[in-house]
Amino acid sequence: MKRAFFYAVSSALLLSIMNAFVKMLGQGMPAAEITFFRGLIGTVAVLGYMGWHKIAFSSENRGMLVMRGVFGGLGNFLNFLALAYMQLADASILFQLSGIFVFIFSTYILKEPIPNGAGKWLWVILLAVIIMIKPWSYNDFHWYSLYAIGGALFAAAAYTTIRQISQSGHHSPYEIMFYFLVSMIVVGGIFMWQDFVWPDTRQWILILIIGGISVFAQFFLTGAFVATNAVVAQFLQYIGVFFNAFWGFMLFNEWLSWMTIAAGVLMFVASVMIGRLKEQHHVSRN
């Protein structure tokens, strides 16, 4: 559990830093293009590392590895779209819905049992989401929040797939990362050609920073889901909301509304309680 905690918190910190740079870059570059370059840099780095350490690719579970990659690539693209147009904290809170989606997927796909008492906390999270997106007001409704929710859904599918793949015990985290990064190249390449912007010097620097940080973040993230229960690993990353809020305030002068704070607190408390119930149930079974 300690190793999973370290991996999850490390990935949350690195991803929050990456999100800040993505937001900077997203002001003048399409999200698809950022997705493409992140995948390209990461793929080169991972292949180089695997070649240097003679880490071989497995012939097993290739279908699942491809699914993990496609889900992750789509989720990353939608997240980048949301980051370009939303406050970092707002987008980050909605990204954490992936924990709820992981909970649902792990229950019905991985057959991990639902702990008693989890239902009421799911309703609390639904209330938090409604507060965040404000569907009752057309003027206040942020359409890009739907991209953040969609990104959370695809990310959860990817995380659940990682957990299922890891149960076979035959795949290196770097192999799992490789399929994800290649899928980012494909997804980004499909959507970027119509609005392609050739990067200037500043943008190239940001692209390289994003690519480098994302490799380490993805390693820690994959390690967290390999090391522990999928739901627990996802909820451990909730500290990323606070990291993102800090960068949003420091770098973009973003202030949180009371509704965002209320929604974030509700979602955080409910998510922690579900994770705690899940972990207690896991311990009691063993």
C-alpha atoms as a PDB file:
ATOM      1  CA  MET A   1       0.000   0.000   0.000  1.00  0.00           C
ATOM      2  CA  LYS A   2       2.887   2.388   0.758  1.00  0.00           C
ATOM      3  CA  ARG A   3       4.362   1.830  -2.691  1.00  0.00           C
ATOM      4  CA  ALA A   4       0.972   2.418  -4.329  1.00  0.00           C
ATOM      5  CA  PHE A   5       0.570   5.634  -2.313  1.00  0.00           C
ATOM      6  CA  PHE A   6       3.982   6.891  -3.439  1.00  0.00           C
ATOM      7  CA  TYR A   7       3.279   6.036  -7.069  1.00  0.00           C
ATOM      8  CA  ALA A   8      -0.196   7.596  -7.066  1.00  0.00           C
ATOM      9  CA  VAL A   9       0.826  10.863  -5.373  1.00  0.00           C
ATOM     10  CA  SER A  10       3.937  11.193  -7.543  1.00  0.00           C
ATOM     11  CA  SER A  11       1.882  10.717 -10.699  1.00  0.00           C
ATOM     12  CA  ALA A  12      -0.716  13.242  -9.465  1.00  0.00           C
ATOM     13  CA  LEU A  13       1.978  15.878  -8.864  1.00  0.00           C
ATOM     14  CA  LEU A  14       3.687  15.317 -12.205  1.00  0.00           C
ATOM     15  CA  LEU A  15       0.396  15.252 -14.108  1.00  0.00           C
ATOM     16  CA  SER A  16      -0.664  18.536 -12.479  1.00  0.00           C
ATOM     17  CA  ILE A  17       2.604  20.139 -13.646  1.00  0.00           C
ATOM     18  CA  MET A  18       2.041  18.697 -17.104  1.00  0.00           C
ATOM     19  CA  ASN A  19      -1.524  20.079 -17.120  1.00  0.00           C
ATOM     20  CA  ALA A  20      -0.209  23.558 -16.377  1.00  0.00           C
ATOM     21  CA  PHE A  21       2.156  23.387 -19.342  1.00  0.00           C
ATOM     22  CA  VAL A  22      -0.615  21.931 -21.537  1.00  0.00           C
ATOM     23  CA  LYS A  23      -2.817  24.900 -20.642  1.00  0.00           C
ATOM     24  CA  MET A  24      -0.009  27.283 -21.571  1.00  0.00           C
ATOM     25  CA  LEU A  25       0.518  25.508 -24.870  1.00  0.00           C
ATOM     26  CA  GLY A  26      -3.206  25.078 -25.548  1.00  0.00           C
ATOM     27  CA  GLN A  27      -3.705  28.820 -25.957  1.00  0.00           C
ATOM     28  CA  GLY A  28      -2.086  28.671 -29.405  1.00  0.00           C
ATOM     29  CA  MET A  29      -1.966  25.017 -30.401  1.00  0.00           C
ATOM     30  CA  PRO A  30      -4.795  22.474 -30.977  1.00  0.00           C
ATOM     31  CA  ALA A  31      -5.253  19.793 -28.337  1.00  0.00           C
ATOM     32  CA  ALA A  32      -4.892  17.055 -30.959  1.00  0.00           C
ATOM     33  CA  GLU A  33      -1.452  18.321 -31.896  1.00  0.00           C
ATOM     34  CA  ILE A  34      -0.343  18.406 -28.253  1.00  0.00           C
ATOM     35  CA  THR A  35      -1.647  14.840 -27.891  1.00  0.00           C
ATOM     36  CA  PHE A  36       0.319  13.752 -30.980  1.00  0.00           C
ATOM     37  CA  PHE A  37       3.619  15.236 -29.826  1.00  0.00           C
ATOM     38  CA  ARG A  38       3.218  13.963 -26.266  1.00  0.00           C
ATOM     39  CA  GLY A  39       2.702  10.471 -27.640  1.00  0.00           C
ATOM     40  CA  LEU A  40       5.618  10.754 -30.066  1.00  0.00           C
ATOM     41  CA  ILE A  41       8.137  11.936 -27.470  1.00  0.00           C
ATOM     42  CA  GLY A  42       6.951   9.357 -24.956  1.00  0.00           C
ATOM     43  CA  THR A  43       7.115   6.514 -27.478  1.00  0.00           C
ATOM     44  CA  VAL A  44      10.696   7.339 -28.419  1.00  0.00           C
ATOM     45  CA  ALA A  45      11.694   7.555 -24.752  1.00  0.00           C
ATOM     46  CA  VAL A  46      10.025   4.284 -23.763  1.00  0.00           C
ATOM     47  CA  LEU A  47      11.377   2.382 -26.766  1.00  0.00           C
ATOM     48  CA  GLY A  48      14.859   3.704 -26.011  1.00  0.00           C
ATOM     49  CA  TYR A  49      14.603   2.626 -22.379  1.00  0.00           C
ATOM     50  CA  MET A  50      13.259  -0.823 -23.291  1.00  0.00           C
ATOM     51  CA  GLY A  51      16.011  -1.305 -25.842  1.00  0.00           C
ATOM     52  CA  TRP A  52      18.731  -0.178 -23.418  1.00  0.00           C
ATOM     53  CA  HIS A  53      17.505  -2.523 -20.681  1.00  0.00           C
ATOM     54  CA  LYS A  54      16.582  -5.307 -23.110  1.00  0.00           C
ATOM     55  CA  ILE A  55      12.934  -5.375 -22.035  1.00  0.00           C
ATOM     56  CA  ALA A  56      11.084  -7.550 -24.518  1.00  0.00           C
ATOM     57  CA  PHE A  57       7.500  -7.225 -25.721  1.00  0.00           C
ATOM     58  CA  SER A  58       5.093  -9.991 -24.735  1.00  0.00           C
ATOM     59  CA  SER A  59       2.933 -11.859 -27.214  1.00  0.00           C
ATOM     60  CA  GLU A  60       0.089 -12.189 -24.687  1.00  0.00           C
ATOM     61  CA  ASN A  61      -2.989 -10.015 -24.204  1.00  0.00           C
ATOM     62  CA  ARG A  62      -2.270  -7.852 -27.225  1.00  0.00           C
ATOM     63  CA  GLY A  63      -5.954  -7.133 -27.693  1.00  0.00           C
ATOM     64  CA  MET A  64      -6.212  -5.839 -24.133  1.00  0.00           C
ATOM     65  CA  LEU A  65      -3.045  -3.790 -24.558  1.00  0.00           C
ATOM     66  CA  VAL A  66      -4.447  -2.169 -27.692  1.00  0.00           C
ATOM     67  CA  MET A  67      -7.715  -1.434 -25.880  1.00  0.00           C
ATOM     68  CA  ARG A  68      -5.795   0.145 -23.013  1.00  0.00           C
ATOM     69  CA  GLY A  69      -3.942   2.294 -25.500  1.00  0.00           C
ATOM     70  CA  VAL A  70      -7.019   3.425 -27.426  1.00  0.00           C
ATOM     71  CA  PHE A  71      -8.992   4.254 -24.267  1.00  0.00           C
ATOM     72  CA  GLY A  72      -6.045   6.142 -22.827  1.00  0.00           C
ATOM     73  CA  GLY A  73      -5.365   8.037 -26.051  1.00  0.00           C
ATOM     74  CA  LEU A  74      -8.966   9.206 -26.386  1.00  0.00           C
ATOM     75  CA  GLY A  75      -9.144  10.142 -22.719  1.00  0.00           C
ATOM     76  CA  ASN A  76      -5.943  12.156 -22.969  1.00  0.00           C
ATOM     77  CA  PHE A  77      -7.188  14.031 -26.064  1.00  0.00           C
ATOM     78  CA  LEU A  78     -10.467  14.994 -24.384  1.00  0.00           C
ATOM     79  CA  ASN A  79      -8.636  16.061 -21.238  1.00  0.00           C
ATOM     80  CA  PHE A  80      -6.364  18.339 -23.242  1.00  0.00           C
ATOM     81  CA  LEU A  81      -9.413  19.897 -24.911  1.00  0.00           C
ATOM     82  CA  ALA A  82     -10.947  20.617 -21.512  1.00  0.00           C
ATOM     83  CA  LEU A  83      -7.701  22.029 -20.115  1.00  0.00           C
ATOM     84  CA  ALA A  84      -7.429  24.571 -22.907  1.00  0.00           C
ATOM     85  CA  TYR A  85     -10.789  26.172 -22.084  1.00  0.00           C
ATOM     86  CA  MET A  86     -11.458  25.467 -18.393  1.00  0.00           C
ATOM     87  CA  GLN A  87      -9.812  26.467 -15.153  1.00  0.00           C
ATOM     88  CA  LEU A  88      -7.260  23.905 -14.020  1.00  0.00           C
ATOM     89  CA  ALA A  89      -9.078  23.174 -10.760  1.00  0.00           C
ATOM     90  CA  ASP A  90     -12.486  22.817 -12.451  1.00  0.00           C
ATOM     91  CA  ALA A  91     -11.138  20.443 -15.088  1.00  0.00           C
ATOM     92  CA  SER A  92      -9.172  18.498 -12.471  1.00  0.00           C
ATOM     93  CA  ILE A  93     -12.228  17.958 -10.278  1.00  0.00           C
ATOM     94  CA  LEU A  94     -14.202  16.573 -13.205  1.00  0.00           C
ATOM     95  CA  PHE A  95     -11.241  14.396 -14.232  1.00  0.00           C
ATOM     96  CA  GLN A  96     -11.548  12.697 -10.851  1.00  0.00           C
ATOM     97  CA  LEU A  97     -14.839  11.211 -11.975  1.00  0.00           C
ATOM     98  CA  SER A  98     -12.590   8.556 -13.475  1.00  0.00           C
ATOM     99  CA  GLY A  99     -12.458   7.112  -9.956  1.00  0.00           C
ATOM    100  CA  ILE A 100     -16.214   6.541 -10.002  1.00  0.00           C
ATOM    101  CA  PHE A 101     -16.071   5.089 -13.477  1.00  0.00           C
ATOM    102  CA  VAL A 102     -13.226   2.812 -12.337  1.00  0.00           C
ATOM    103  CA  PHE A 103     -15.419   1.742  -9.415  1.00  0.00           C
ATOM    104  CA  ILE A 104     -18.228   0.830 -11.830  1.00  0.00           C
ATOM    105  CA  PHE A 105     -15.953  -0.879 -14.352  1.00  0.00           C
ATOM    106  CA  SER A 106     -14.029  -2.823 -11.712  1.00  0.00           C
ATOM    107  CA  THR A 107     -17.322  -4.061 -10.282  1.00  0.00           C
ATOM    108  CA  TYR A 108     -18.805  -5.286 -13.553  1.00  0.00           C
ATOM    109  CA  ILE A 109     -15.649  -6.151 -15.519  1.00  0.00           C
ATOM    110  CA  LEU A 110     -13.070  -7.171 -12.916  1.00  0.00           C
ATOM    111  CA  LYS A 111     -15.810  -8.626 -10.688  1.00  0.00           C
ATOM    112  CA  GLU A 112     -14.517  -6.765  -7.638  1.00  0.00           C
ATOM    113  CA  PRO A 113     -17.394  -6.727  -5.114  1.00  0.00           C
ATOM    114  CA  ILE A 114     -19.289  -3.559  -4.180  1.00  0.00           C
ATOM    115  CA  PRO A 115     -18.681  -2.684  -0.510  1.00  0.00           C
ATOM    116  CA  ASN A 116     -21.697  -2.062   1.700  1.00  0.00           C
ATOM    117  CA  GLY A 117     -22.578   1.599   2.085  1.00  0.00           C
ATOM    118  CA  ALA A 118     -21.043   2.771  -1.201  1.00  0.00           C
ATOM    119  CA  GLY A 119     -24.382   3.648  -2.823  1.00  0.00           C
ATOM    120  CA  LYS A 120     -25.076   6.818  -0.835  1.00  0.00           C
ATOM    121  CA  TRP A 121     -21.615   8.190  -1.620  1.00  0.00           C
ATOM    122  CA  LEU A 122     -22.220   7.695  -5.341  1.00  0.00           C
ATOM    123  CA  TRP A 123     -25.281   9.939  -5.020  1.00  0.00           C
ATOM    124  CA  VAL A 124     -23.158  12.568  -3.268  1.00  0.00           C
ATOM    125  CA  ILE A 125     -20.710  12.524  -6.199  1.00  0.00           C
ATOM    126  CA  LEU A 126     -23.576  12.887  -8.674  1.00  0.00           C
ATOM    127  CA  LEU A 127     -24.742  15.951  -6.716  1.00  0.00           C
ATOM    128  CA  ALA A 128     -21.209  17.381  -6.861  1.00  0.00           C
ATOM    129  CA  VAL A 129     -21.090  16.941 -10.640  1.00  0.00           C
ATOM    130  CA  ILE A 130     -24.435  18.713 -11.050  1.00  0.00           C
ATOM    131  CA  ILE A 131     -23.136  21.629  -8.961  1.00  0.00           C
ATOM    132  CA  MET A 132     -19.994  21.778 -11.103  1.00  0.00           C
ATOM    133  CA  ILE A 133     -21.586  21.812 -14.562  1.00  0.00           C
ATOM    134  CA  LYS A 134     -24.733  23.824 -13.637  1.00  0.00           C
ATOM    135  CA  PRO A 135     -27.119  22.249 -16.172  1.00  0.00           C
ATOM    136  CA  TRP A 136     -29.979  24.482 -14.957  1.00  0.00           C
ATOM    137  CA  SER A 137     -28.336  27.592 -16.432  1.00  0.00           C
ATOM    138  CA  TYR A 138     -27.509  27.777 -20.135  1.00  0.00           C
ATOM    139  CA  ASN A 139     -25.324  30.860 -19.637  1.00  0.00           C
ATOM    140  CA  ASP A 140     -23.283  29.276 -16.842  1.00  0.00           C
ATOM    141  CA  PHE A 141     -23.112  25.770 -18.301  1.00  0.00           C
ATOM    142  CA  HIS A 142     -19.591  25.059 -19.485  1.00  0.00           C
ATOM    143  CA  TRP A 143     -19.791  22.822 -22.540  1.00  0.00           C
ATOM    144  CA  TYR A 144     -16.139  21.845 -22.214  1.00  0.00           C
ATOM    145  CA  SER A 145     -17.005  20.147 -18.942  1.00  0.00           C
ATOM    146  CA  LEU A 146     -18.478  17.390 -21.098  1.00  0.00           C
ATOM    147  CA  TYR A 147     -15.025  16.848 -22.596  1.00  0.00           C
ATOM    148  CA  ALA A 148     -13.596  16.517 -19.083  1.00  0.00           C
ATOM    149  CA  ILE A 149     -16.277  13.963 -18.150  1.00  0.00           C
ATOM    150  CA  GLY A 150     -15.689  12.055 -21.391  1.00  0.00           C
ATOM    151  CA  GLY A 151     -11.956  12.092 -20.716  1.00  0.00           C
ATOM    152  CA  ALA A 152     -12.588  10.700 -17.239  1.00  0.00           C
ATOM    153  CA  LEU A 153     -14.729   7.919 -18.707  1.00  0.00           C
ATOM    154  CA  PHE A 154     -12.092   6.802 -21.215  1.00  0.00           C
ATOM    155  CA  ALA A 155      -9.308   7.160 -18.643  1.00  0.00           C
ATOM    156  CA  ALA A 156     -11.236   4.894 -16.263  1.00  0.00           C
ATOM    157  CA  ALA A 157     -11.627   2.291 -18.994  1.00  0.00           C
ATOM    158  CA  ALA A 158      -7.859   2.465 -19.556  1.00  0.00           C
ATOM    159  CA  TYR A 159      -7.074   2.171 -15.833  1.00  0.00           C
ATOM    160  CA  THR A 160      -9.377  -0.808 -15.451  1.00  0.00           C
ATOM    161  CA  THR A 161      -7.712  -2.459 -18.422  1.00  0.00           C
ATOM    162  CA  ILE A 162      -4.284  -1.896 -16.825  1.00  0.00           C
ATOM    163  CA  ARG A 163      -5.474  -3.652 -13.686  1.00  0.00           C
ATOM    164  CA  GLN A 164      -6.850  -6.569 -15.695  1.00  0.00           C
ATOM    165  CA  ILE A 165      -3.633  -6.868 -17.716  1.00  0.00           C
ATOM    166  CA  SER A 166      -1.496  -6.714 -14.578  1.00  0.00           C
ATOM    167  CA  GLN A 167      -3.301  -9.709 -13.076  1.00  0.00           C
ATOM    168  CA  SER A 168      -1.579 -11.963 -15.619  1.00  0.00           C
ATOM    169  CA  GLY A 169       1.790 -10.717 -14.327  1.00  0.00           C
ATOM    170  CA  HIS A 170       3.587 -11.032 -17.684  1.00  0.00           C
ATOM    171  CA  HIS A 171       3.776  -7.418 -18.827  1.00  0.00           C
ATOM    172  CA  SER A 172       6.301  -4.733 -18.026  1.00  0.00           C
ATOM    173  CA  PRO A 173       4.848  -1.310 -17.129  1.00  0.00           C
ATOM    174  CA  TYR A 174       6.875   0.049 -20.034  1.00  0.00           C
ATOM    175  CA  GLU A 175       5.134  -2.267 -22.474  1.00  0.00           C
ATOM    176  CA  ILE A 176       1.750  -1.083 -21.192  1.00  0.00           C
ATOM    177  CA  MET A 177       2.919   2.529 -21.514  1.00  0.00           C
ATOM    178  CA  PHE A 178       4.116   1.898 -25.078  1.00  0.00           C
ATOM    179  CA  TYR A 179       0.660   0.916 -26.323  1.00  0.00           C
ATOM    180  CA  PHE A 180      -0.842   3.988 -24.674  1.00  0.00           C
ATOM    181  CA  LEU A 181       1.709   6.361 -26.179  1.00  0.00           C
ATOM    182  CA  VAL A 182       1.408   4.918 -29.682  1.00  0.00           C
ATOM    183  CA  SER A 183      -2.372   5.280 -29.449  1.00  0.00           C
ATOM    184  CA  MET A 184      -1.886   8.944 -28.548  1.00  0.00           C
ATOM    185  CA  ILE A 185       0.082   9.404 -31.767  1.00  0.00           C
ATOM    186  CA  VAL A 186      -2.745   7.801 -33.750  1.00  0.00           C
ATOM    187  CA  VAL A 187      -5.567   9.702 -32.017  1.00  0.00           C
ATOM    188  CA  GLY A 188      -3.734  13.011 -32.198  1.00  0.00           C
ATOM    189  CA  GLY A 189      -2.733  12.418 -35.817  1.00  0.00           C
ATOM    190  CA  ILE A 190      -6.308  11.726 -36.876  1.00  0.00           C
ATOM    191  CA  PHE A 191      -7.644  14.992 -35.463  1.00  0.00           C
ATOM    192  CA  MET A 192      -4.760  17.417 -35.909  1.00  0.00           C
ATOM    193  CA  TRP A 193      -4.228  17.781 -39.631  1.00  0.00           C
ATOM    194  CA  GLN A 194      -7.010  20.253 -40.351  1.00  0.00           C
ATOM    195  CA  ASP A 195      -5.744  22.833 -37.817  1.00  0.00           C
ATOM    196  CA  PHE A 196      -2.045  21.953 -37.681  1.00  0.00           C
ATOM    197  CA  VAL A 197       0.152  24.727 -36.276  1.00  0.00           C
ATOM    198  CA  TRP A 198       3.908  24.521 -36.793  1.00  0.00           C
ATOM    199  CA  PRO A 199       5.415  25.114 -33.325  1.00  0.00           C
ATOM    200  CA  ASP A 200       7.652  28.108 -32.695  1.00  0.00           C
ATOM    201  CA  THR A 201      10.687  27.935 -30.383  1.00  0.00           C
ATOM    202  CA  ARG A 202       8.682  28.520 -27.191  1.00  0.00           C
ATOM    203  CA  GLN A 203       6.102  25.904 -28.172  1.00  0.00           C
ATOM    204  CA  TRP A 204       8.801  23.331 -28.979  1.00  0.00           C
ATOM    205  CA  ILE A 205      10.270  23.858 -25.506  1.00  0.00           C
ATOM    206  CA  LEU A 206       6.844  23.367 -23.890  1.00  0.00           C
ATOM    207  CA  ILE A 207       6.225  20.269 -26.016  1.00  0.00           C
ATOM    208  CA  LEU A 208       9.524  18.726 -24.902  1.00  0.00           C
ATOM    209  CA  ILE A 209       8.779  19.541 -21.252  1.00  0.00           C
ATOM    210  CA  ILE A 210       5.294  18.008 -21.502  1.00  0.00           C
ATOM    211  CA  GLY A 211       6.651  14.908 -23.215  1.00  0.00           C
ATOM    212  CA  GLY A 212       9.393  14.417 -20.634  1.00  0.00           C
ATOM    213  CA  ILE A 213       7.188  14.944 -17.588  1.00  0.00           C
ATOM    214  CA  SER A 214       4.447  12.716 -18.987  1.00  0.00           C
ATOM    215  CA  VAL A 215       6.798   9.735 -19.349  1.00  0.00           C
ATOM    216  CA  PHE A 216       7.628   9.774 -15.631  1.00  0.00           C
ATOM    217  CA  ALA A 217       4.023  10.544 -14.665  1.00  0.00           C
ATOM    218  CA  GLN A 218       2.750   7.644 -16.749  1.00  0.00           C
ATOM    219  CA  PHE A 219       5.299   5.295 -15.202  1.00  0.00           C
ATOM    220  CA  PHE A 220       4.151   6.179 -11.678  1.00  0.00           C
ATOM    221  CA  LEU A 221       0.492   6.002 -12.701  1.00  0.00           C
ATOM    222  CA  THR A 222       0.879   2.560 -14.254  1.00  0.00           C
ATOM    223  CA  GLY A 223       2.839   1.407 -11.210  1.00  0.00           C
ATOM    224  CA  ALA A 224       0.033   2.520  -8.871  1.00  0.00           C
ATOM    225  CA  PHE A 225      -2.572   0.475 -10.724  1.00  0.00           C
ATOM    226  CA  VAL A 226      -0.295  -2.554 -10.877  1.00  0.00           C
ATOM    227  CA  ALA A 227       0.498  -2.295  -7.153  1.00  0.00           C
ATOM    228  CA  THR A 228      -3.010  -2.090  -5.718  1.00  0.00           C
ATOM    229  CA  ASN A 229      -6.762  -2.269  -6.213  1.00  0.00           C
ATOM    230  CA  ALA A 230      -7.910  -0.156  -9.206  1.00  0.00           C
ATOM    231  CA  VAL A 231     -10.384   1.936  -7.197  1.00  0.00           C
ATOM    232  CA  VAL A 232      -7.941   2.614  -4.350  1.00  0.00           C
ATOM    233  CA  ALA A 233      -5.203   3.612  -6.813  1.00  0.00           C
ATOM    234  CA  GLN A 234      -7.507   6.056  -8.564  1.00  0.00           C
ATOM    235  CA  PHE A 235      -8.768   7.726  -5.389  1.00  0.00           C
ATOM    236  CA  LEU A 236      -5.229   8.117  -4.047  1.00  0.00           C
ATOM    237  CA  GLN A 237      -4.636  10.507  -6.925  1.00  0.00           C
ATOM    238  CA  TYR A 238      -7.321  12.891  -5.733  1.00  0.00           C
ATOM    239  CA  ILE A 239      -4.596  15.053  -4.235  1.00  0.00           C
ATOM    240  CA  GLY A 240      -4.005  16.106  -7.851  1.00  0.00           C
ATOM    241  CA  VAL A 241      -7.015  18.450  -7.524  1.00  0.00           C
ATOM    242  CA  PHE A 242      -5.139  20.503  -4.952  1.00  0.00           C
ATOM    243  CA  PHE A 243      -1.976  20.531  -7.044  1.00  0.00           C
ATOM    244  CA  ASN A 244      -3.933  21.757 -10.072  1.00  0.00           C
ATOM    245  CA  ALA A 245      -5.733  24.430  -8.053  1.00  0.00           C
ATOM    246  CA  PHE A 246      -2.371  25.684  -6.798  1.00  0.00           C
ATOM    247  CA  TRP A 247      -0.877  25.946 -10.301  1.00  0.00           C
ATOM    248  CA  GLY A 248      -4.065  27.561 -11.593  1.00  0.00           C
ATOM    249  CA  PHE A 249      -3.841  30.267  -8.941  1.00  0.00           C
ATOM    250  CA  MET A 250      -0.088  30.816  -9.199  1.00  0.00           C
ATOM    251  CA  LEU A 251       0.267  30.758 -12.987  1.00  0.00           C
ATOM    252  CA  PHE A 252      -3.124  31.797 -14.390  1.00  0.00           C
ATOM    253  CA  ASN A 253      -4.636  33.865 -11.569  1.00  0.00           C
ATOM    254  CA  GLU A 254      -7.587  31.465 -11.376  1.00  0.00           C
ATOM    255  CA  TRP A 255      -9.865  31.905  -8.381  1.00  0.00           C
ATOM    256  CA  LEU A 256     -12.234  29.186  -7.240  1.00  0.00           C
ATOM    257  CA  SER A 257     -15.939  29.963  -6.893  1.00  0.00           C
ATOM    258  CA  TRP A 258     -17.741  28.787  -3.781  1.00  0.00           C
ATOM    259  CA  MET A 259     -19.708  26.308  -5.911  1.00  0.00           C
ATOM    260  CA  THR A 260     -16.499  24.791  -7.269  1.00  0.00           C
ATOM    261  CA  ILE A 261     -15.088  24.506  -3.754  1.00  0.00           C
ATOM    262  CA  ALA A 262     -18.329  22.929  -2.476  1.00  0.00           C
ATOM    263  CA  ALA A 263     -18.429  20.465  -5.366  1.00  0.00           C
ATOM    264  CA  GLY A 264     -14.764  19.604  -4.897  1.00  0.00           C
ATOM    265  CA  VAL A 265     -15.194  18.981  -1.166  1.00  0.00           C
ATOM    266  CA  LEU A 266     -18.270  16.807  -1.729  1.00  0.00           C
ATOM    267  CA  MET A 267     -16.544  14.770  -4.419  1.00  0.00           C
ATOM    268  CA  PHE A 268     -13.368  14.422  -2.385  1.00  0.00           C
ATOM    269  CA  VAL A 269     -15.147  13.248   0.787  1.00  0.00           C
ATOM    270  CA  ALA A 270     -17.369  10.825  -1.109  1.00  0.00           C
ATOM    271  CA  SER A 271     -14.453   9.464  -3.151  1.00  0.00           C
ATOM    272  CA  VAL A 272     -12.305   8.935  -0.065  1.00  0.00           C
ATOM    273  CA  MET A 273     -15.162   7.141   1.680  1.00  0.00           C
ATOM    274  CA  ILE A 274     -15.720   4.829  -1.289  1.00  0.00           C
ATOM    275  CA  GLY A 275     -11.999   4.108  -1.483  1.00  0.00           C
ATOM    276  CA  ARG A 276     -11.911   3.433   2.247  1.00  0.00           C
ATOM    277  CA  LEU A 277     -14.906   1.104   2.071  1.00  0.00           C
ATOM    278  CA  LYS A 278     -13.338  -0.701  -0.863  1.00  0.00           C
ATOM    279  CA  GLU A 279     -10.013  -1.129   0.939  1.00  0.00           C
ATOM    280  CA  GLN A 280     -11.703  -2.315   4.160  1.00  0.00           C
ATOM    281  CA  HIS A 281     -13.728  -4.829   2.204  1.00  0.00           C
ATOM    282  CA  HIS A 282     -10.567  -6.043   0.463  1.00  0.00           C
ATOM    283  CA  VAL A 283      -8.737  -6.468   3.787  1.00  0.00           C
ATOM    284  CA  SER A 284     -11.668  -8.294   5.425  1.00  0.00           C
ATOM    285  CA  ARG A 285     -11.822 -10.784   2.544  1.00  0.00           C
ATOM    286  CA  ASN A 286      -8.144 -11.594   2.969  1.00  0.00           C
END
